């Protein structure tokens, strides 16, 4: 799960920080410092679902702004998928919506 959480954060922050012709955002980029696999791993081991959801929301909200908010088709879909991750009440329930969010963010890169 840690890898998927990190991938969601990475794809979201790529939407925010990458520009055409600019250098890509990578896992070791300073923008990823609070969203590294180890950070998520600690939260998963602690079972801290709320903190995980908060960190996901931080990334998704930045990506949502980069997409033009919920006024755009891409933004509305991103918000819908993010809302599904917020509905999870256990880490197991987070798996499917998290995977869907990851695939969507990767697809719209």
PDB file of N, CA and C in Angstrom:
ATOM      1  N   UNK A   1       0.815  -1.188   0.000  1.00  0.00           N
ATOM      2  CA  UNK A   1       0.000   0.000   0.000  1.00  0.00           C
ATOM      3  C   UNK A   1       0.863   1.259   0.000  1.00  0.00           C
ATOM      4  N   UNK A   2       2.014   1.188   0.661  1.00  0.00           N
ATOM      5  CA  UNK A   2       2.882   2.366   0.746  1.00  0.00           C
ATOM      6  C   UNK A   2       3.306   2.850  -0.634  1.00  0.00           C
ATOM      7  N   UNK A   3       3.612   1.900  -1.509  1.00  0.00           N
ATOM      8  CA  UNK A   3       4.034   2.249  -2.862  1.00  0.00           C
ATOM      9  C   UNK A   3       2.896   2.928  -3.634  1.00  0.00           C
ATOM     10  N   UNK A   4       1.683   2.433  -3.464  1.00  0.00           N
ATOM     11  CA  UNK A   4       0.532   3.035  -4.132  1.00  0.00           C
ATOM     12  C   UNK A   4       0.262   4.438  -3.602  1.00  0.00           C
ATOM     13  N   UNK A   5       0.372   4.613  -2.290  1.00  0.00           N
ATOM     14  CA  UNK A   5       0.192   5.941  -1.705  1.00  0.00           C
ATOM     15  C   UNK A   5       1.235   6.912  -2.245  1.00  0.00           C
ATOM     16  N   UNK A   6       2.479   6.467  -2.308  1.00  0.00           N
ATOM     17  CA  UNK A   6       3.530   7.324  -2.834  1.00  0.00           C
ATOM     18  C   UNK A   6       3.291   7.639  -4.308  1.00  0.00           C
ATOM     19  N   UNK A   7       2.811   6.664  -5.067  1.00  0.00           N
ATOM     20  CA  UNK A   7       2.537   6.886  -6.491  1.00  0.00           C
ATOM     21  C   UNK A   7       1.427   7.910  -6.683  1.00  0.00           C
ATOM     22  N   UNK A   8       0.382   7.834  -5.882  1.00  0.00           N
ATOM     23  CA  UNK A   8      -0.705   8.818  -5.966  1.00  0.00           C
ATOM     24  C   UNK A   8      -0.158  10.211  -5.698  1.00  0.00           C
ATOM     25  N   UNK A   9       0.640  10.338  -4.641  1.00  0.00           N
ATOM     26  CA  UNK A   9       1.232  11.637  -4.312  1.00  0.00           C
ATOM     27  C   UNK A   9       2.119  12.126  -5.451  1.00  0.00           C
ATOM     28  N   UNK A  10       2.936  11.242  -5.990  1.00  0.00           N
ATOM     29  CA  UNK A  10       3.849  11.613  -7.072  1.00  0.00           C
ATOM     30  C   UNK A  10       3.087  12.084  -8.308  1.00  0.00           C
ATOM     31  N   UNK A  11       2.091  11.321  -8.731  1.00  0.00           N
ATOM     32  CA  UNK A  11       1.334  11.701  -9.923  1.00  0.00           C
ATOM     33  C   UNK A  11       0.573  13.012  -9.705  1.00  0.00           C
ATOM     34  N   UNK A  12       0.052  13.211  -8.499  1.00  0.00           N
ATOM     35  CA  UNK A  12      -0.658  14.463  -8.204  1.00  0.00           C
ATOM     36  C   UNK A  12       0.305  15.638  -8.248  1.00  0.00           C
ATOM     37  N   UNK A  13       1.470  15.489  -7.635  1.00  0.00           N
ATOM     38  CA  UNK A  13       2.430  16.587  -7.592  1.00  0.00           C
ATOM     39  C   UNK A  13       3.079  16.834  -8.950  1.00  0.00           C
ATOM     40  N   UNK A  14       3.120  15.824  -9.796  1.00  0.00           N
ATOM     41  CA  UNK A  14       3.601  16.032 -11.166  1.00  0.00           C
ATOM     42  C   UNK A  14       2.679  17.009 -11.902  1.00  0.00           C
ATOM     43  N   UNK A  15       1.367  16.872 -11.688  1.00  0.00           N
ATOM     44  CA  UNK A  15       0.418  17.789 -12.319  1.00  0.00           C
ATOM     45  C   UNK A  15       0.659  19.228 -11.868  1.00  0.00           C
ATOM     46  N   UNK A  16       1.068  19.383 -10.626  1.00  0.00           N
ATOM     47  CA  UNK A  16       1.262  20.709 -10.052  1.00  0.00           C
ATOM     48  C   UNK A  16       2.585  21.324 -10.478  1.00  0.00           C
ATOM     49  N   UNK A  17       3.654  20.551 -10.416  1.00  0.00           N
ATOM     50  CA  UNK A  17       4.995  21.109 -10.537  1.00  0.00           C
ATOM     51  C   UNK A  17       5.683  20.922 -11.889  1.00  0.00           C
ATOM     52  N   UNK A  18       5.264  19.944 -12.676  1.00  0.00           N
ATOM     53  CA  UNK A  18       5.953  19.725 -13.945  1.00  0.00           C
ATOM     54  C   UNK A  18       5.438  20.671 -15.021  1.00  0.00           C
ATOM     55  N   UNK A  19       6.358  21.167 -15.807  1.00  0.00           N
ATOM     56  CA  UNK A  19       6.006  22.014 -16.940  1.00  0.00           C
ATOM     57  C   UNK A  19       6.605  21.415 -18.199  1.00  0.00           C
ATOM     58  N   UNK A  20       6.022  21.743 -19.329  1.00  0.00           N
ATOM     59  CA  UNK A  20       6.570  21.270 -20.596  1.00  0.00           C
ATOM     60  C   UNK A  20       7.996  21.766 -20.729  1.00  0.00           C
ATOM     61  N   UNK A  21       8.896  20.872 -20.996  1.00  0.00           N
ATOM     62  CA  UNK A  21      10.298  21.226 -21.170  1.00  0.00           C
ATOM     63  C   UNK A  21      11.058  21.360 -19.867  1.00  0.00           C
ATOM     64  N   UNK A  22      10.368  21.288 -18.740  1.00  0.00           N
ATOM     65  CA  UNK A  22      11.023  21.381 -17.434  1.00  0.00           C
ATOM     66  C   UNK A  22      11.477  20.018 -16.967  1.00  0.00           C
ATOM     67  N   UNK A  23      12.208  20.008 -15.883  1.00  0.00           N
ATOM     68  CA  UNK A  23      12.667  18.728 -15.359  1.00  0.00           C
ATOM     69  C   UNK A  23      11.505  18.025 -14.648  1.00  0.00           C
ATOM     70  N   UNK A  24      11.482  16.705 -14.733  1.00  0.00           N
ATOM     71  CA  UNK A  24      10.369  15.957 -14.135  1.00  0.00           C
ATOM     72  C   UNK A  24      10.475  15.901 -12.608  1.00  0.00           C
ATOM     73  N   UNK A  25       9.330  15.742 -11.962  1.00  0.00           N
ATOM     74  CA  UNK A  25       9.293  15.504 -10.528  1.00  0.00           C
ATOM     75  C   UNK A  25       9.539  14.012 -10.326  1.00  0.00           C
ATOM     76  N   UNK A  26      10.529  13.699  -9.524  1.00  0.00           N
ATOM     77  CA  UNK A  26      10.881  12.315  -9.240  1.00  0.00           C
ATOM     78  C   UNK A  26      10.627  12.015  -7.766  1.00  0.00           C
ATOM     79  N   UNK A  27      10.708  10.749  -7.407  1.00  0.00           N
ATOM     80  CA  UNK A  27      10.444  10.348  -6.022  1.00  0.00           C
ATOM     81  C   UNK A  27      11.369  11.030  -5.027  1.00  0.00           C
ATOM     82  N   UNK A  28      12.584  11.390  -5.438  1.00  0.00           N
ATOM     83  CA  UNK A  28      13.519  12.026  -4.509  1.00  0.00           C
ATOM     84  C   UNK A  28      13.481  13.548  -4.587  1.00  0.00           C
ATOM     85  N   UNK A  29      12.496  14.096  -5.275  1.00  0.00           N
ATOM     86  CA  UNK A  29      12.336  15.539  -5.392  1.00  0.00           C
ATOM     87  C   UNK A  29      11.940  16.124  -4.029  1.00  0.00           C
ATOM     88  N   UNK A  30      12.416  17.318  -3.703  1.00  0.00           N
ATOM     89  CA  UNK A  30      12.025  17.935  -2.422  1.00  0.00           C
ATOM     90  C   UNK A  30      10.509  18.081  -2.244  1.00  0.00           C
ATOM     91  N   UNK A  31       9.761  18.215  -3.328  1.00  0.00           N
ATOM     92  CA  UNK A  31       8.304  18.323  -3.239  1.00  0.00           C
ATOM     93  C   UNK A  31       7.674  17.050  -2.674  1.00  0.00           C
ATOM     94  N   UNK A  32       8.419  15.941  -2.754  1.00  0.00           N
ATOM     95  CA  UNK A  32       7.919  14.651  -2.290  1.00  0.00           C
ATOM     96  C   UNK A  32       8.320  14.339  -0.850  1.00  0.00           C
ATOM     97  N   UNK A  33       9.047  15.228  -0.190  1.00  0.00           N
ATOM     98  CA  UNK A  33       9.613  14.945   1.132  1.00  0.00           C
ATOM     99  C   UNK A  33       8.567  14.442   2.134  1.00  0.00           C
ATOM    100  N   UNK A  34       7.415  15.053   2.177  1.00  0.00           N
ATOM    101  CA  UNK A  34       6.386  14.654   3.147  1.00  0.00           C
ATOM    102  C   UNK A  34       5.522  13.498   2.651  1.00  0.00           C
ATOM    103  N   UNK A  35       5.801  13.025   1.433  1.00  0.00           N
ATOM    104  CA  UNK A  35       4.956  11.995   0.820  1.00  0.00           C
ATOM    105  C   UNK A  35       5.770  10.787   0.352  1.00  0.00           C
ATOM    106  N   UNK A  36       6.918  10.557   0.966  1.00  0.00           N
ATOM    107  CA  UNK A  36       7.764   9.427   0.597  1.00  0.00           C
ATOM    108  C   UNK A  36       7.148   8.119   1.083  1.00  0.00           C
ATOM    109  N   UNK A  37       7.576   7.046   0.465  1.00  0.00           N
ATOM    110  CA  UNK A  37       7.085   5.717   0.815  1.00  0.00           C
ATOM    111  C   UNK A  37       7.286   5.419   2.300  1.00  0.00           C
ATOM    112  N   UNK A  38       8.426   5.850   2.859  1.00  0.00           N
ATOM    113  CA  UNK A  38       8.709   5.588   4.275  1.00  0.00           C
ATOM    114  C   UNK A  38       7.720   6.324   5.187  1.00  0.00           C
ATOM    115  N   UNK A  39       7.350   7.538   4.796  1.00  0.00           N
ATOM    116  CA  UNK A  39       6.375   8.307   5.577  1.00  0.00           C
ATOM    117  C   UNK A  39       5.039   7.577   5.573  1.00  0.00           C
ATOM    118  N   UNK A  40       4.598   7.167   4.384  1.00  0.00           N
ATOM    119  CA  UNK A  40       3.342   6.432   4.296  1.00  0.00           C
ATOM    120  C   UNK A  40       3.453   5.080   4.982  1.00  0.00           C
ATOM    121  N   UNK A  41       4.617   4.437   4.883  1.00  0.00           N
ATOM    122  CA  UNK A  41       4.823   3.140   5.533  1.00  0.00           C
ATOM    123  C   UNK A  41       4.627   3.233   7.034  1.00  0.00           C
ATOM    124  N   UNK A  42       5.165   4.275   7.628  1.00  0.00           N
ATOM    125  CA  UNK A  42       4.999   4.476   9.070  1.00  0.00           C
ATOM    126  C   UNK A  42       3.524   4.660   9.413  1.00  0.00           C
ATOM    127  N   UNK A  43       2.823   5.452   8.625  1.00  0.00           N
ATOM    128  CA  UNK A  43       1.396   5.680   8.880  1.00  0.00           C
ATOM    129  C   UNK A  43       0.581   4.406   8.709  1.00  0.00           C
ATOM    130  N   UNK A  44       0.942   3.594   7.723  1.00  0.00           N
ATOM    131  CA  UNK A  44       0.241   2.316   7.517  1.00  0.00           C
ATOM    132  C   UNK A  44       0.504   1.391   8.692  1.00  0.00           C
ATOM    133  N   UNK A  45       1.752   1.288   9.124  1.00  0.00           N
ATOM    134  CA  UNK A  45       2.082   0.421  10.265  1.00  0.00           C
ATOM    135  C   UNK A  45       1.362   0.881  11.534  1.00  0.00           C
ATOM    136  N   UNK A  46       1.181   2.175  11.684  1.00  0.00           N
ATOM    137  CA  UNK A  46       0.464   2.711  12.833  1.00  0.00           C
ATOM    138  C   UNK A  46      -1.047   2.596  12.672  1.00  0.00           C
ATOM    139  N   UNK A  47      -1.496   2.270  11.462  1.00  0.00           N
ATOM    140  CA  UNK A  47      -2.930   2.176  11.188  1.00  0.00           C
ATOM    141  C   UNK A  47      -3.619   3.535  11.215  1.00  0.00           C
ATOM    142  N   UNK A  48      -2.875   4.594  10.901  1.00  0.00           N
ATOM    143  CA  UNK A  48      -3.389   5.964  10.993  1.00  0.00           C
ATOM    144  C   UNK A  48      -4.085   6.371   9.692  1.00  0.00           C
ATOM    145  N   UNK A  49      -5.277   5.841   9.501  1.00  0.00           N
ATOM    146  CA  UNK A  49      -6.044   6.090   8.279  1.00  0.00           C
ATOM    147  C   UNK A  49      -6.332   7.576   8.086  1.00  0.00           C
ATOM    148  N   UNK A  50      -6.698   8.272   9.127  1.00  0.00           N
ATOM    149  CA  UNK A  50      -7.049   9.695   9.004  1.00  0.00           C
ATOM    150  C   UNK A  50      -5.856  10.522   8.528  1.00  0.00           C
ATOM    151  N   UNK A  51      -4.679  10.242   9.045  1.00  0.00           N
ATOM    152  CA  UNK A  51      -3.485  10.979   8.618  1.00  0.00           C
ATOM    153  C   UNK A  51      -3.148  10.647   7.163  1.00  0.00           C
ATOM    154  N   UNK A  52      -3.326   9.404   6.781  1.00  0.00           N
ATOM    155  CA  UNK A  52      -3.100   9.002   5.385  1.00  0.00           C
ATOM    156  C   UNK A  52      -4.065   9.762   4.482  1.00  0.00           C
ATOM    157  N   UNK A  53      -5.334   9.794   4.865  1.00  0.00           N
ATOM    158  CA  UNK A  53      -6.329  10.505   4.069  1.00  0.00           C
ATOM    159  C   UNK A  53      -6.011  12.001   4.001  1.00  0.00           C
ATOM    160  N   UNK A  54      -5.522  12.573   5.085  1.00  0.00           N
ATOM    161  CA  UNK A  54      -5.169  13.990   5.086  1.00  0.00           C
ATOM    162  C   UNK A  54      -4.022  14.254   4.117  1.00  0.00           C
ATOM    163  N   UNK A  55      -3.010  13.391   4.123  1.00  0.00           N
ATOM    164  CA  UNK A  55      -1.876  13.565   3.214  1.00  0.00           C
ATOM    165  C   UNK A  55      -2.329  13.405   1.760  1.00  0.00           C
ATOM    166  N   UNK A  56      -3.200  12.446   1.500  1.00  0.00           N
ATOM    167  CA  UNK A  56      -3.737  12.284   0.145  1.00  0.00           C
ATOM    168  C   UNK A  56      -4.493  13.537  -0.278  1.00  0.00           C
ATOM    169  N   UNK A  57      -5.300  14.062   0.624  1.00  0.00           N
ATOM    170  CA  UNK A  57      -6.079  15.267   0.310  1.00  0.00           C
ATOM    171  C   UNK A  57      -5.182  16.457  -0.011  1.00  0.00           C
ATOM    172  N   UNK A  58      -4.068  16.589   0.707  1.00  0.00           N
ATOM    173  CA  UNK A  58      -3.138  17.689   0.432  1.00  0.00           C
ATOM    174  C   UNK A  58      -2.670  17.632  -1.016  1.00  0.00           C
ATOM    175  N   UNK A  59      -2.279  16.460  -1.465  1.00  0.00           N
ATOM    176  CA  UNK A  59      -1.799  16.301  -2.843  1.00  0.00           C
ATOM    177  C   UNK A  59      -2.915  16.483  -3.855  1.00  0.00           C
ATOM    178  N   UNK A  60      -4.055  15.872  -3.583  1.00  0.00           N
ATOM    179  CA  UNK A  60      -5.179  15.939  -4.519  1.00  0.00           C
ATOM    180  C   UNK A  60      -5.677  17.378  -4.658  1.00  0.00           C
ATOM    181  N   UNK A  61      -5.739  18.117  -3.578  1.00  0.00           N
ATOM    182  CA  UNK A  61      -6.212  19.501  -3.652  1.00  0.00           C
ATOM    183  C   UNK A  61      -5.274  20.359  -4.507  1.00  0.00           C
ATOM    184  N   UNK A  62      -3.980  20.129  -4.393  1.00  0.00           N
ATOM    185  CA  UNK A  62      -3.028  20.859  -5.239  1.00  0.00           C
ATOM    186  C   UNK A  62      -3.239  20.492  -6.710  1.00  0.00           C
ATOM    187  N   UNK A  63      -3.402  19.190  -6.979  1.00  0.00           N
ATOM    188  CA  UNK A  63      -3.631  18.738  -8.351  1.00  0.00           C
ATOM    189  C   UNK A  63      -4.947  19.291  -8.886  1.00  0.00           C
ATOM    190  N   UNK A  64      -5.959  19.324  -8.030  1.00  0.00           N
ATOM    191  CA  UNK A  64      -7.261  19.845  -8.434  1.00  0.00           C
ATOM    192  C   UNK A  64      -7.151  21.304  -8.862  1.00  0.00           C
ATOM    193  N   UNK A  65      -6.395  22.089  -8.136  1.00  0.00           N
ATOM    194  CA  UNK A  65      -6.182  23.489  -8.518  1.00  0.00           C
ATOM    195  C   UNK A  65      -5.450  23.576  -9.848  1.00  0.00           C
ATOM    196  N   UNK A  66      -4.449  22.708 -10.049  1.00  0.00           N
ATOM    197  CA  UNK A  66      -3.699  22.718 -11.304  1.00  0.00           C
ATOM    198  C   UNK A  66      -4.588  22.362 -12.493  1.00  0.00           C
ATOM    199  N   UNK A  67      -5.628  21.578 -12.237  1.00  0.00           N
ATOM    200  CA  UNK A  67      -6.550  21.175 -13.300  1.00  0.00           C
ATOM    201  C   UNK A  67      -7.660  22.190 -13.540  1.00  0.00           C
ATOM    202  N   UNK A  68      -7.712  23.231 -12.735  1.00  0.00           N
ATOM    203  CA  UNK A  68      -8.753  24.237 -12.905  1.00  0.00           C
ATOM    204  C   UNK A  68      -9.944  24.051 -11.990  1.00  0.00           C
ATOM    205  N   UNK A  69      -9.802  23.228 -10.963  1.00  0.00           N
ATOM    206  CA  UNK A  69     -10.872  23.022  -9.990  1.00  0.00           C
ATOM    207  C   UNK A  69     -11.949  22.081 -10.490  1.00  0.00           C
ATOM    208  N   UNK A  70     -13.039  22.069  -9.759  1.00  0.00           N
ATOM    209  CA  UNK A  70     -14.134  21.168 -10.101  1.00  0.00           C
ATOM    210  C   UNK A  70     -15.003  21.700 -11.240  1.00  0.00           C
ATOM    211  N   UNK A  71     -14.583  22.833 -11.805  1.00  0.00           N
ATOM    212  CA  UNK A  71     -15.305  23.399 -12.957  1.00  0.00           C
ATOM    213  C   UNK A  71     -14.923  22.690 -14.256  1.00  0.00           C
ATOM    214  N   UNK A  72     -13.864  21.890 -14.208  1.00  0.00           N
ATOM    215  CA  UNK A  72     -13.421  21.164 -15.397  1.00  0.00           C
ATOM    216  C   UNK A  72     -13.827  19.701 -15.300  1.00  0.00           C
ATOM    217  N   UNK A  73     -13.894  19.041 -16.424  1.00  0.00           N
ATOM    218  CA  UNK A  73     -14.242  17.615 -16.454  1.00  0.00           C
ATOM    219  C   UNK A  73     -13.190  16.812 -15.685  1.00  0.00           C
ATOM    220  N   UNK A  74     -11.908  17.092 -15.944  1.00  0.00           N
ATOM    221  CA  UNK A  74     -10.842  16.363 -15.250  1.00  0.00           C
ATOM    222  C   UNK A  74     -10.904  16.612 -13.746  1.00  0.00           C
ATOM    223  N   UNK A  75     -11.174  17.838 -13.358  1.00  0.00           N
ATOM    224  CA  UNK A  75     -11.262  18.184 -11.945  1.00  0.00           C
ATOM    225  C   UNK A  75     -12.428  17.514 -11.243  1.00  0.00           C
ATOM    226  N   UNK A  76     -13.557  17.458 -11.904  1.00  0.00           N
ATOM    227  CA  UNK A  76     -14.727  16.800 -11.303  1.00  0.00           C
ATOM    228  C   UNK A  76     -14.465  15.320 -11.076  1.00  0.00           C
ATOM    229  N   UNK A  77     -13.837  14.680 -12.047  1.00  0.00           N
ATOM    230  CA  UNK A  77     -13.543  13.249 -11.898  1.00  0.00           C
ATOM    231  C   UNK A  77     -12.505  13.030 -10.796  1.00  0.00           C
ATOM    232  N   UNK A  78     -11.510  13.881 -10.744  1.00  0.00           N
ATOM    233  CA  UNK A  78     -10.507  13.774  -9.679  1.00  0.00           C
ATOM    234  C   UNK A  78     -11.171  13.938  -8.317  1.00  0.00           C
ATOM    235  N   UNK A  79     -12.038  14.894  -8.168  1.00  0.00           N
ATOM    236  CA  UNK A  79     -12.739  15.112  -6.894  1.00  0.00           C
ATOM    237  C   UNK A  79     -13.606  13.916  -6.531  1.00  0.00           C
ATOM    238  N   UNK A  80     -14.282  13.334  -7.514  1.00  0.00           N
ATOM    239  CA  UNK A  80     -15.120  12.157  -7.256  1.00  0.00           C
ATOM    240  C   UNK A  80     -14.280  10.998  -6.737  1.00  0.00           C
ATOM    241  N   UNK A  81     -13.142  10.752  -7.385  1.00  0.00           N
ATOM    242  CA  UNK A  81     -12.267   9.657  -6.967  1.00  0.00           C
ATOM    243  C   UNK A  81     -11.656   9.931  -5.593  1.00  0.00           C
ATOM    244  N   UNK A  82     -11.294  11.175  -5.342  1.00  0.00           N
ATOM    245  CA  UNK A  82     -10.746  11.535  -4.032  1.00  0.00           C
ATOM    246  C   UNK A  82     -11.803  11.358  -2.940  1.00  0.00           C
ATOM    247  N   UNK A  83     -13.044  11.699  -3.246  1.00  0.00           N
ATOM    248  CA  UNK A  83     -14.120  11.529  -2.269  1.00  0.00           C
ATOM    249  C   UNK A  83     -14.278  10.056  -1.892  1.00  0.00           C
ATOM    250  N   UNK A  84     -14.078   9.169  -2.856  1.00  0.00           N
ATOM    251  CA  UNK A  84     -14.156   7.734  -2.565  1.00  0.00           C
ATOM    252  C   UNK A  84     -13.077   7.314  -1.563  1.00  0.00           C
ATOM    253  N   UNK A  85     -11.888   7.916  -1.638  1.00  0.00           N
ATOM    254  CA  UNK A  85     -10.838   7.569  -0.676  1.00  0.00           C
ATOM    255  C   UNK A  85     -11.183   8.091   0.714  1.00  0.00           C
ATOM    256  N   UNK A  86     -11.899   9.196   0.778  1.00  0.00           N
ATOM    257  CA  UNK A  86     -12.289   9.766   2.080  1.00  0.00           C
ATOM    258  C   UNK A  86     -13.363   8.935   2.772  1.00  0.00           C
ATOM    259  N   UNK A  87     -14.118   8.171   2.006  1.00  0.00           N
ATOM    260  CA  UNK A  87     -15.193   7.351   2.570  1.00  0.00           C
ATOM    261  C   UNK A  87     -14.685   6.091   3.261  1.00  0.00           C
ATOM    262  N   UNK A  88     -13.447   5.708   2.995  1.00  0.00           N
ATOM    263  CA  UNK A  88     -12.899   4.480   3.589  1.00  0.00           C
ATOM    264  C   UNK A  88     -12.820   4.616   5.101  1.00  0.00           C
ATOM    265  N   UNK A  89     -13.254   3.586   5.797  1.00  0.00           N
ATOM    266  CA  UNK A  89     -13.181   3.608   7.258  1.00  0.00           C
ATOM    267  C   UNK A  89     -12.124   2.651   7.793  1.00  0.00           C
ATOM    268  N   UNK A  90     -11.494   1.878   6.894  1.00  0.00           N
ATOM    269  CA  UNK A  90     -10.381   1.007   7.264  1.00  0.00           C
ATOM    270  C   UNK A  90      -9.336   1.075   6.153  1.00  0.00           C
ATOM    271  N   UNK A  91      -8.136   0.637   6.466  1.00  0.00           N
ATOM    272  CA  UNK A  91      -7.089   0.607   5.439  1.00  0.00           C
ATOM    273  C   UNK A  91      -7.465  -0.335   4.298  1.00  0.00           C
ATOM    274  N   UNK A  92      -8.139  -1.424   4.612  1.00  0.00           N
ATOM    275  CA  UNK A  92      -8.547  -2.375   3.572  1.00  0.00           C
ATOM    276  C   UNK A  92      -9.557  -1.739   2.619  1.00  0.00           C
ATOM    277  N   UNK A  93     -10.455  -0.931   3.158  1.00  0.00           N
ATOM    278  CA  UNK A  93     -11.446  -0.248   2.319  1.00  0.00           C
ATOM    279  C   UNK A  93     -10.816   0.837   1.456  1.00  0.00           C
ATOM    280  N   UNK A  94      -9.629   1.261   1.810  1.00  0.00           N
ATOM    281  CA  UNK A  94      -8.938   2.308   1.050  1.00  0.00           C
ATOM    282  C   UNK A  94      -8.291   1.760  -0.220  1.00  0.00           C
ATOM    283  N   UNK A  95      -7.998   0.459  -0.257  1.00  0.00           N
ATOM    284  CA  UNK A  95      -7.265  -0.136  -1.377  1.00  0.00           C
ATOM    285  C   UNK A  95      -7.881   0.143  -2.747  1.00  0.00           C
ATOM    286  N   UNK A  96      -9.129  -0.194  -2.938  1.00  0.00           N
ATOM    287  CA  UNK A  96      -9.752  -0.062  -4.266  1.00  0.00           C
ATOM    288  C   UNK A  96      -9.860   1.396  -4.719  1.00  0.00           C
ATOM    289  N   UNK A  97     -10.379   2.315  -3.891  1.00  0.00           N
ATOM    290  CA  UNK A  97     -10.448   3.704  -4.359  1.00  0.00           C
ATOM    291  C   UNK A  97      -9.070   4.327  -4.557  1.00  0.00           C
ATOM    292  N   UNK A  98      -8.103   3.915  -3.755  1.00  0.00           N
ATOM    293  CA  UNK A  98      -6.740   4.422  -3.901  1.00  0.00           C
ATOM    294  C   UNK A  98      -6.145   3.974  -5.233  1.00  0.00           C
ATOM    295  N   UNK A  99      -6.389   2.723  -5.583  1.00  0.00           N
ATOM    296  CA  UNK A  99      -5.899   2.205  -6.857  1.00  0.00           C
ATOM    297  C   UNK A  99      -6.548   2.940  -8.027  1.00  0.00           C
ATOM    298  N   UNK A 100      -7.841   3.194  -7.946  1.00  0.00           N
ATOM    299  CA  UNK A 100      -8.546   3.931  -8.998  1.00  0.00           C
ATOM    300  C   UNK A 100      -7.993   5.348  -9.127  1.00  0.00           C
ATOM    301  N   UNK A 101      -7.732   5.990  -7.992  1.00  0.00           N
ATOM    302  CA  UNK A 101      -7.173   7.338  -7.996  1.00  0.00           C
ATOM    303  C   UNK A 101      -5.785   7.341  -8.633  1.00  0.00           C
ATOM    304  N   UNK A 102      -4.971   6.368  -8.302  1.00  0.00           N
ATOM    305  CA  UNK A 102      -3.630   6.269  -8.879  1.00  0.00           C
ATOM    306  C   UNK A 102      -3.694   6.135 -10.403  1.00  0.00           C
ATOM    307  N   UNK A 103      -4.545   5.243 -10.876  1.00  0.00           N
ATOM    308  CA  UNK A 103      -4.649   5.022 -12.324  1.00  0.00           C
ATOM    309  C   UNK A 103      -5.151   6.275 -13.040  1.00  0.00           C
ATOM    310  N   UNK A 104      -6.090   6.973 -12.429  1.00  0.00           N
ATOM    311  CA  UNK A 104      -6.610   8.195 -13.045  1.00  0.00           C
ATOM    312  C   UNK A 104      -5.517   9.267 -13.138  1.00  0.00           C
ATOM    313  N   UNK A 105      -4.817   9.493 -12.038  1.00  0.00           N
ATOM    314  CA  UNK A 105      -3.759  10.506 -12.033  1.00  0.00           C
ATOM    315  C   UNK A 105      -2.662  10.162 -13.034  1.00  0.00           C
ATOM    316  N   UNK A 106      -2.337   8.888 -13.125  1.00  0.00           N
ATOM    317  CA  UNK A 106      -1.319   8.466 -14.099  1.00  0.00           C
ATOM    318  C   UNK A 106      -1.807   8.715 -15.526  1.00  0.00           C
ATOM    319  N   UNK A 107      -3.058   8.450 -15.770  1.00  0.00           N
ATOM    320  CA  UNK A 107      -3.614   8.600 -17.113  1.00  0.00           C
ATOM    321  C   UNK A 107      -3.677  10.052 -17.570  1.00  0.00           C
ATOM    322  N   UNK A 108      -3.882  10.980 -16.663  1.00  0.00           N
ATOM    323  CA  UNK A 108      -4.038  12.374 -17.082  1.00  0.00           C
ATOM    324  C   UNK A 108      -2.717  13.144 -17.067  1.00  0.00           C
ATOM    325  N   UNK A 109      -1.633  12.458 -16.837  1.00  0.00           N
ATOM    326  CA  UNK A 109      -0.314  13.118 -16.848  1.00  0.00           C
ATOM    327  C   UNK A 109      -0.050  13.771 -18.177  1.00  0.00           C
TER     328      UNK A 109
END
